[in-house]
């Protein structure tokens, strides 16, 4: 990966060049020679924008969100994380 100026990101996938241009509003525009390369570039741009959100959801589900937030929020966060783990361990009966 190489940064081409402030607005361009250059990637390579199997020898194919993928270019991502960010306009004045930060909206990504992906240019690629194939659909596969296009979707790879699209996924890369989305990950740049939303990686923090994925990490937040992962930490919430594991109950480890307090590691990055303030300690006063620990009881609330632990309760939500513990509830998520309990839900995962129970089976929902199938509806007939």
Foldseek 3Di string as FASTA:
>chain_A
DDADPDFWDWDADPNWIKIWGQDPVGDTDIDTDDPVSRVVVVVVSVCVVCVVVVVCVVCLLQLNNCVPPPPVCSVVSNVSNVVSVVVVPDDDDDDD
